[in-house]
Protein backbone atom coordinates (compact mmCIF):
# COMPACT_ATOMS: atom_id res chain seq x y z
CA VAL A 1 152.05 100.26 97.15
CA GLN A 2 152.69 97.17 96.41
CA LEU A 3 150.28 94.68 98.30
CA GLN A 4 151.56 91.18 98.61
CA ALA A 5 148.48 88.66 98.34
CA SER A 6 148.58 85.04 99.24
CA GLY A 7 146.58 81.82 99.52
CA GLY A 8 144.08 81.19 97.19
CA GLY A 9 143.14 76.87 95.63
CA LEU A 10 140.64 74.89 94.64
CA VAL A 11 139.30 73.76 97.68
CA GLN A 12 135.59 71.14 98.36
CA ALA A 13 132.47 72.16 99.52
CA GLY A 14 132.76 72.46 103.55
CA GLY A 15 136.81 72.97 102.88
CA SER A 16 139.30 75.82 104.45
CA LEU A 17 141.64 78.04 103.11
CA THR A 18 143.82 80.75 104.51
CA LEU A 19 143.93 84.02 102.71
CA PHE A 20 147.78 86.04 103.54
CA CYS A 21 147.75 89.90 102.98
CA ALA A 22 150.68 92.41 103.43
CA ALA A 23 151.28 95.81 102.88
CA PRO A 24 154.84 97.45 102.75
CA ARG A 25 155.86 98.27 105.97
CA ASN A 26 156.73 101.98 105.89
CA ILE A 27 152.88 102.47 104.38
CA PHE A 28 151.74 105.85 106.34
CA GLY A 29 148.01 106.76 107.52
CA LEU A 30 147.17 102.56 107.32
CA THR A 31 143.52 103.10 108.75
CA ALA A 32 142.06 99.46 107.50
CA MET A 33 142.96 96.69 105.67
CA SER A 34 140.46 94.81 103.86
CA TRP A 35 139.80 91.44 101.56
CA TYR A 36 137.12 92.03 99.00
CA ARG A 37 135.48 89.11 96.56
CA GLN A 38 134.84 89.54 93.12
CA ALA A 39 132.62 86.19 91.21
CA PRO A 40 132.74 86.68 87.32
CA GLY A 41 130.28 88.74 85.97
CA GLY A 42 129.33 90.38 89.83
CA GLU A 43 130.45 93.33 91.58
CA ARG A 44 133.14 92.94 93.36
CA GLU A 45 131.93 92.63 97.18
CA MET A 46 133.16 93.13 101.11
CA VAL A 47 134.22 90.26 102.36
CA ALA A 48 135.97 91.43 105.64
CA SER A 49 137.64 94.39 107.13
CA LEU A 50 140.07 95.64 110.12
CA THR A 51 140.64 99.09 110.83
CA SER A 52 143.60 100.27 113.11
CA GLU A 53 140.85 99.94 116.12
CA ASP A 54 140.98 96.60 115.57
CA LYS A 55 137.19 96.92 114.36
CA LYS A 56 136.25 93.99 112.51
CA LEU A 57 133.93 93.77 109.98
CA TYR A 58 131.79 91.15 107.56
CA GLY A 59 129.62 90.96 104.76
CA ASP A 60 126.18 89.66 105.76
CA PHE A 61 127.01 86.94 103.48
CA VAL A 62 130.05 85.17 105.77
CA LYS A 63 127.40 84.33 108.35
CA GLY A 64 130.33 83.85 111.19
CA ARG A 65 132.66 81.47 108.76
CA PHE A 66 135.42 83.41 108.10
CA THR A 67 137.18 85.34 110.69
CA ILE A 68 139.88 88.23 109.43
CA SER A 69 142.62 88.94 111.95
CA GLY A 70 145.90 91.29 112.02
CA GLU A 71 149.30 92.22 113.02
CA LYS A 72 149.33 95.80 113.32
CA VAL A 73 153.53 95.72 114.10
CA GLY A 74 154.23 93.54 110.10
CA ASN A 75 150.93 95.90 108.64
CA ASN A 76 149.99 91.88 107.24
CA VAL A 77 145.97 90.57 107.83
CA THR A 78 144.79 87.22 107.06
CA LEU A 79 141.33 85.27 106.22
CA GLN A 80 140.51 82.12 107.59
CA MET A 81 137.63 80.68 105.57
CA LYS A 82 135.69 77.57 107.02
CA ASN A 83 132.58 76.13 105.58
CA LEU A 84 133.40 77.51 101.96
CA GLU A 85 130.67 77.34 99.24
CA PRO A 86 130.20 76.91 96.19
CA THR A 87 128.98 80.43 96.20
CA ASP A 88 132.30 82.04 97.79
CA THR A 89 134.13 81.09 94.35
CA ALA A 90 136.11 84.65 93.07
CA VAL A 91 138.48 86.04 92.70
CA TYR A 92 139.67 87.37 96.19
CA TYR A 93 141.60 91.01 96.93
CA CYS A 94 142.74 92.67 99.68
CA ARG A 95 142.73 95.90 100.10
CA ALA A 96 144.66 98.62 102.23
CA ARG A 97 143.57 102.07 102.97
CA ALA A 98 145.52 104.91 104.11
CA LEU A 99 144.88 108.44 104.14
CA GLU A 100 141.54 108.32 102.35
CA ILE A 101 142.98 105.95 99.36
CA ASN A 102 142.78 102.45 98.16
CA PHE A 103 145.49 100.46 97.50
CA TRP A 104 144.67 96.63 96.18
CA GLY A 105 146.14 94.01 95.55
CA GLN A 106 146.63 91.59 92.51
CA GLY A 107 143.96 89.25 93.60
CA THR A 108 143.91 85.72 94.21
CA GLN A 109 141.58 82.61 93.24
CA VAL A 110 138.98 80.70 95.75
CA THR A 111 137.51 78.04 93.74
CA VAL A 112 135.19 76.05 96.39
CA SER A 113 133.94 72.44 93.99
CA SER A 114 130.75 70.97 94.81
């Protein structure tokens, strides 16, 4: 299963970015699509998650700055990030969970300058 992720880039502190990820439309048993991130030397952590029941979860560090949304028909998810901080700098990975299996996208770099 190949996920298509896009939208990373370089932005100044306080700026905004939008990440987009799409899973194949024929993926069976999709239960959630999520964004994770991993900073250099750090562990991968959950940023935001959207379940097939429209439940949204966010990492504690998000503090209302990010919004996840998606289209079930298109099996895609968008992460709108506002008021970005240098500590948000990381590689962001899209994840699709289907039938207890996790599928990962290739990662997109987000860099926030101070």
